[in-house]
Amino acid sequence: MENTLVFIHGLESTAQGAKGKYFAEHFPQMMIEDFTGDLESRMKKLRGLLSGKNDLIMVGSSYGGLMAVQYAMENEDRVKKMILLAPALNLPEFQTFEKKQLRIPVIVYHGTGDDVVDPHKVKEIALKYFSRLEHHFVEDDHPLRETFPRLDWQSLLASDE
């Protein structure tokens, strides 16, 4: 079964941002869409796009990380793995679905120099809600400008099975 790769950009970004362009070039099969509006509008679009799709490997950046986690909380059986880049899990929107602990593999990369999303607060939340967490603090900023292009995306996006 072929995995479905999905990239979800952050609040101020678009599918044409640096990460979106990178994935479009290196992983042309990846779903990369633009999301606008509030969380509810963005989630409605995401649910529609992923309707009927399984074996999801989701990459969420910042606010897109929050969206990926919410989707996985609602559809864990359809998600194989998540890679979260400076995920905005410290926002109040996260409180509305703090129901359970996810059992899928979750890999987090977060810059210690992030001045947008508190990396230590996010790690506390991640430890609480992800039972199979692999967490990396890296010396970088919120967009992970140095780290992102150096990650082994071929391995990260491969299924762990």
C-alpha atoms as a PDB file:
ATOM      1  CA  MET A   1       0.000   0.000   0.000  1.00  0.00           C
ATOM      2  CA  GLU A   2       1.361   3.379  -1.021  1.00  0.00           C
ATOM      3  CA  ASN A   3       1.668   5.967   1.743  1.00  0.00           C
ATOM      4  CA  THR A   4      -0.038   9.311   1.288  1.00  0.00           C
ATOM      5  CA  LEU A   5       2.397  12.147   2.035  1.00  0.00           C
ATOM      6  CA  VAL A   6       0.879  15.398   3.249  1.00  0.00           C
ATOM      7  CA  PHE A   7       2.499  18.746   4.041  1.00  0.00           C
ATOM      8  CA  ILE A   8       0.591  21.373   6.039  1.00  0.00           C
ATOM      9  CA  HIS A   9       2.132  24.855   6.113  1.00  0.00           C
ATOM     10  CA  GLY A  10       2.006  27.340   8.967  1.00  0.00           C
ATOM     11  CA  LEU A  11      -0.334  30.226   9.690  1.00  0.00           C
ATOM     12  CA  GLU A  12       1.582  32.939   7.824  1.00  0.00           C
ATOM     13  CA  SER A  13       2.934  30.675   5.095  1.00  0.00           C
ATOM     14  CA  THR A  14       1.547  29.115   1.906  1.00  0.00           C
ATOM     15  CA  ALA A  15       2.096  26.002  -0.175  1.00  0.00           C
ATOM     16  CA  GLN A  16       4.609  28.122  -2.123  1.00  0.00           C
ATOM     17  CA  GLY A  17       6.790  28.826   0.941  1.00  0.00           C
ATOM     18  CA  ALA A  18      10.316  27.399   1.240  1.00  0.00           C
ATOM     19  CA  LYS A  19       9.150  24.076   2.727  1.00  0.00           C
ATOM     20  CA  GLY A  20       6.284  23.689   0.249  1.00  0.00           C
ATOM     21  CA  LYS A  21       8.629  24.341  -2.677  1.00  0.00           C
ATOM     22  CA  TYR A  22      11.192  21.898  -1.295  1.00  0.00           C
ATOM     23  CA  PHE A  23       8.613  19.109  -0.974  1.00  0.00           C
ATOM     24  CA  ALA A  24       7.074  19.866  -4.389  1.00  0.00           C
ATOM     25  CA  GLU A  25      10.511  19.517  -5.972  1.00  0.00           C
ATOM     26  CA  HIS A  26      11.771  16.476  -4.042  1.00  0.00           C
ATOM     27  CA  PHE A  27       8.507  14.630  -3.337  1.00  0.00           C
ATOM     28  CA  PRO A  28       6.155  15.502  -6.235  1.00  0.00           C
ATOM     29  CA  GLN A  29       3.593  12.942  -5.017  1.00  0.00           C
ATOM     30  CA  MET A  30       3.149  14.872  -1.743  1.00  0.00           C
ATOM     31  CA  MET A  31      -0.151  16.679  -1.168  1.00  0.00           C
ATOM     32  CA  ILE A  32       0.670  20.369  -0.676  1.00  0.00           C
ATOM     33  CA  GLU A  33      -2.300  22.708  -0.405  1.00  0.00           C
ATOM     34  CA  ASP A  34      -2.934  26.289   0.679  1.00  0.00           C
ATOM     35  CA  PHE A  35      -4.913  26.763   3.885  1.00  0.00           C
ATOM     36  CA  THR A  36      -6.518  30.048   4.927  1.00  0.00           C
ATOM     37  CA  GLY A  37      -8.918  31.278   7.564  1.00  0.00           C
ATOM     38  CA  ASP A  38      -9.387  30.110  11.128  1.00  0.00           C
ATOM     39  CA  LEU A  39      -8.623  26.644  12.456  1.00  0.00           C
ATOM     40  CA  GLU A  40     -12.143  25.380  11.769  1.00  0.00           C
ATOM     41  CA  SER A  41     -11.989  26.474   8.094  1.00  0.00           C
ATOM     42  CA  ARG A  42      -8.527  24.995   7.654  1.00  0.00           C
ATOM     43  CA  MET A  43      -9.548  21.699   9.271  1.00  0.00           C
ATOM     44  CA  LYS A  44     -12.672  21.436   7.103  1.00  0.00           C
ATOM     45  CA  LYS A  45     -10.497  21.759   3.990  1.00  0.00           C
ATOM     46  CA  LEU A  46      -7.953  19.248   5.336  1.00  0.00           C
ATOM     47  CA  ARG A  47     -10.651  16.689   6.189  1.00  0.00           C
ATOM     48  CA  GLY A  48     -12.060  17.065   2.676  1.00  0.00           C
ATOM     49  CA  LEU A  49      -8.657  16.637   1.024  1.00  0.00           C
ATOM     50  CA  LEU A  50      -7.865  13.529   3.071  1.00  0.00           C
ATOM     51  CA  SER A  51     -11.304  11.959   2.782  1.00  0.00           C
ATOM     52  CA  GLY A  52     -10.903   8.318   1.784  1.00  0.00           C
ATOM     53  CA  LYS A  53      -7.114   8.419   2.128  1.00  0.00           C
ATOM     54  CA  ASN A  54      -5.194   6.143   4.473  1.00  0.00           C
ATOM     55  CA  ASP A  55      -1.572   5.404   5.391  1.00  0.00           C
ATOM     56  CA  LEU A  56      -0.966   9.113   5.906  1.00  0.00           C
ATOM     57  CA  ILE A  57       2.485  10.437   6.685  1.00  0.00           C
ATOM     58  CA  MET A  58       1.908  14.029   7.712  1.00  0.00           C
ATOM     59  CA  VAL A  59       4.419  16.861   7.948  1.00  0.00           C
ATOM     60  CA  GLY A  60       3.088  19.863   9.840  1.00  0.00           C
ATOM     61  CA  SER A  61       4.957  23.131  10.225  1.00  0.00           C
ATOM     62  CA  SER A  62       4.016  25.482  13.085  1.00  0.00           C
ATOM     63  CA  TYR A  63       0.220  25.997  12.841  1.00  0.00           C
ATOM     64  CA  GLY A  64       0.226  23.132  10.327  1.00  0.00           C
ATOM     65  CA  GLY A  65       1.632  20.969  13.125  1.00  0.00           C
ATOM     66  CA  LEU A  66      -1.364  21.869  15.270  1.00  0.00           C
ATOM     67  CA  MET A  67      -3.639  20.917  12.349  1.00  0.00           C
ATOM     68  CA  ALA A  68      -1.846  17.600  11.791  1.00  0.00           C
ATOM     69  CA  VAL A  69      -2.181  16.707  15.478  1.00  0.00           C
ATOM     70  CA  GLN A  70      -5.871  17.599  15.534  1.00  0.00           C
ATOM     71  CA  TYR A  71      -6.455  15.482  12.413  1.00  0.00           C
ATOM     72  CA  ALA A  72      -4.544  12.556  13.942  1.00  0.00           C
ATOM     73  CA  MET A  73      -6.500  12.856  17.211  1.00  0.00           C
ATOM     74  CA  GLU A  74      -9.696  12.458  15.169  1.00  0.00           C
ATOM     75  CA  ASN A  75      -8.397   9.841  12.686  1.00  0.00           C
ATOM     76  CA  GLU A  76      -5.518   7.986  14.321  1.00  0.00           C
ATOM     77  CA  ASP A  77      -6.300   4.765  12.444  1.00  0.00           C
ATOM     78  CA  ARG A  78      -5.604   6.548   9.131  1.00  0.00           C
ATOM     79  CA  VAL A  79      -2.312   8.193  10.129  1.00  0.00           C
ATOM     80  CA  LYS A  80       0.942   6.215  10.099  1.00  0.00           C
ATOM     81  CA  LYS A  81       3.361   8.890  11.282  1.00  0.00           C
ATOM     82  CA  MET A  82       3.762  12.617  11.884  1.00  0.00           C
ATOM     83  CA  ILE A  83       6.791  14.856  11.520  1.00  0.00           C
ATOM     84  CA  LEU A  84       6.173  18.143  13.318  1.00  0.00           C
ATOM     85  CA  LEU A  85       8.348  21.204  12.712  1.00  0.00           C
ATOM     86  CA  ALA A  86       8.089  23.757  15.541  1.00  0.00           C
ATOM     87  CA  PRO A  87       4.441  22.738  16.047  1.00  0.00           C
ATOM     88  CA  ALA A  88       2.193  25.408  17.584  1.00  0.00           C
ATOM     89  CA  LEU A  89       0.765  23.084  20.235  1.00  0.00           C
ATOM     90  CA  ASN A  90       0.889  25.827  22.863  1.00  0.00           C
ATOM     91  CA  LEU A  91      -2.018  27.735  21.298  1.00  0.00           C
ATOM     92  CA  PRO A  92      -5.436  27.793  22.998  1.00  0.00           C
ATOM     93  CA  GLU A  93      -6.944  25.905  20.018  1.00  0.00           C
ATOM     94  CA  PHE A  94      -5.101  22.802  21.240  1.00  0.00           C
ATOM     95  CA  GLN A  95      -7.205  22.712  24.429  1.00  0.00           C
ATOM     96  CA  THR A  96     -10.352  21.816  22.513  1.00  0.00           C
ATOM     97  CA  PHE A  97      -9.178  18.319  21.653  1.00  0.00           C
ATOM     98  CA  GLU A  98      -6.879  17.197  24.459  1.00  0.00           C
ATOM     99  CA  LYS A  99      -8.653  13.857  24.683  1.00  0.00           C
ATOM    100  CA  LYS A 100      -6.137  11.099  24.415  1.00  0.00           C
ATOM    101  CA  GLN A 101      -2.596  10.008  23.790  1.00  0.00           C
ATOM    102  CA  LEU A 102      -1.604   9.185  20.219  1.00  0.00           C
ATOM    103  CA  ARG A 103       0.154   5.855  19.686  1.00  0.00           C
ATOM    104  CA  ILE A 104       1.575   6.597  16.220  1.00  0.00           C
ATOM    105  CA  PRO A 105       5.219   7.642  15.785  1.00  0.00           C
ATOM    106  CA  VAL A 106       5.656  11.406  16.166  1.00  0.00           C
ATOM    107  CA  ILE A 107       8.951  13.128  15.371  1.00  0.00           C
ATOM    108  CA  VAL A 108       9.405  16.737  16.479  1.00  0.00           C
ATOM    109  CA  TYR A 109      12.112  19.185  15.443  1.00  0.00           C
ATOM    110  CA  HIS A 110      12.093  22.479  17.302  1.00  0.00           C
ATOM    111  CA  GLY A 111      14.613  25.301  17.326  1.00  0.00           C
ATOM    112  CA  THR A 112      15.871  26.472  20.705  1.00  0.00           C
ATOM    113  CA  GLY A 113      15.974  29.996  19.256  1.00  0.00           C
ATOM    114  CA  ASP A 114      12.269  29.917  18.315  1.00  0.00           C
ATOM    115  CA  ASP A 115      10.745  33.248  19.351  1.00  0.00           C
ATOM    116  CA  VAL A 116       7.283  32.426  17.938  1.00  0.00           C
ATOM    117  CA  VAL A 117       6.420  29.078  19.575  1.00  0.00           C
ATOM    118  CA  ASP A 118       7.965  28.215  22.968  1.00  0.00           C
ATOM    119  CA  PRO A 119       9.971  25.027  22.312  1.00  0.00           C
ATOM    120  CA  HIS A 120      10.042  23.929  25.974  1.00  0.00           C
ATOM    121  CA  LYS A 121       6.288  24.346  26.453  1.00  0.00           C
ATOM    122  CA  VAL A 122       5.684  22.359  23.266  1.00  0.00           C
ATOM    123  CA  LYS A 123       7.966  19.543  24.466  1.00  0.00           C
ATOM    124  CA  GLU A 124       5.961  19.327  27.734  1.00  0.00           C
ATOM    125  CA  ILE A 125       2.739  19.012  25.740  1.00  0.00           C
ATOM    126  CA  ALA A 126       4.287  16.517  23.300  1.00  0.00           C
ATOM    127  CA  LEU A 127       5.492  14.254  26.125  1.00  0.00           C
ATOM    128  CA  LYS A 128       1.968  14.192  27.498  1.00  0.00           C
ATOM    129  CA  TYR A 129       0.101  13.404  24.260  1.00  0.00           C
ATOM    130  CA  PHE A 130       2.471  11.332  22.099  1.00  0.00           C
ATOM    131  CA  SER A 131       3.378   7.885  23.435  1.00  0.00           C
ATOM    132  CA  ARG A 132       5.927   7.250  20.631  1.00  0.00           C
ATOM    133  CA  LEU A 133       7.698  10.604  20.614  1.00  0.00           C
ATOM    134  CA  GLU A 134      11.113  11.279  19.101  1.00  0.00           C
ATOM    135  CA  HIS A 135      11.949  14.864  20.065  1.00  0.00           C
ATOM    136  CA  HIS A 136      14.870  16.964  18.789  1.00  0.00           C
ATOM    137  CA  PHE A 137      15.903  20.381  20.047  1.00  0.00           C
ATOM    138  CA  VAL A 138      18.087  22.002  17.388  1.00  0.00           C
ATOM    139  CA  GLU A 139      20.007  25.272  17.379  1.00  0.00           C
ATOM    140  CA  ASP A 140      17.735  27.118  14.993  1.00  0.00           C
ATOM    141  CA  ASP A 141      14.894  29.631  14.642  1.00  0.00           C
ATOM    142  CA  HIS A 142      11.127  29.106  14.231  1.00  0.00           C
ATOM    143  CA  PRO A 143      11.216  28.363  10.469  1.00  0.00           C
ATOM    144  CA  LEU A 144      14.122  25.937  11.052  1.00  0.00           C
ATOM    145  CA  ARG A 145      16.015  27.617   8.203  1.00  0.00           C
ATOM    146  CA  GLU A 146      19.276  25.755   8.929  1.00  0.00           C
ATOM    147  CA  THR A 147      17.813  22.415  10.004  1.00  0.00           C
ATOM    148  CA  PHE A 148      14.994  21.823   7.507  1.00  0.00           C
ATOM    149  CA  PRO A 149      17.082  21.380   4.328  1.00  0.00           C
ATOM    150  CA  ARG A 150      19.591  19.153   6.149  1.00  0.00           C
ATOM    151  CA  LEU A 151      17.077  16.608   7.444  1.00  0.00           C
ATOM    152  CA  ASP A 152      17.036  13.154   5.830  1.00  0.00           C
ATOM    153  CA  TRP A 153      13.552  13.529   4.364  1.00  0.00           C
ATOM    154  CA  GLN A 154      13.841  10.281   2.402  1.00  0.00           C
ATOM    155  CA  SER A 155      14.094   8.359   5.704  1.00  0.00           C
ATOM    156  CA  LEU A 156      11.687  10.593   7.634  1.00  0.00           C
ATOM    157  CA  LEU A 157       8.957  10.144   5.035  1.00  0.00           C
ATOM    158  CA  ALA A 158       9.454   6.394   4.725  1.00  0.00           C
ATOM    159  CA  SER A 159       7.087   4.080   6.516  1.00  0.00           C
ATOM    160  CA  ASP A 160       8.530   2.557   9.679  1.00  0.00           C
ATOM    161  CA  GLU A 161       7.227  -0.886   8.791  1.00  0.00           C
END
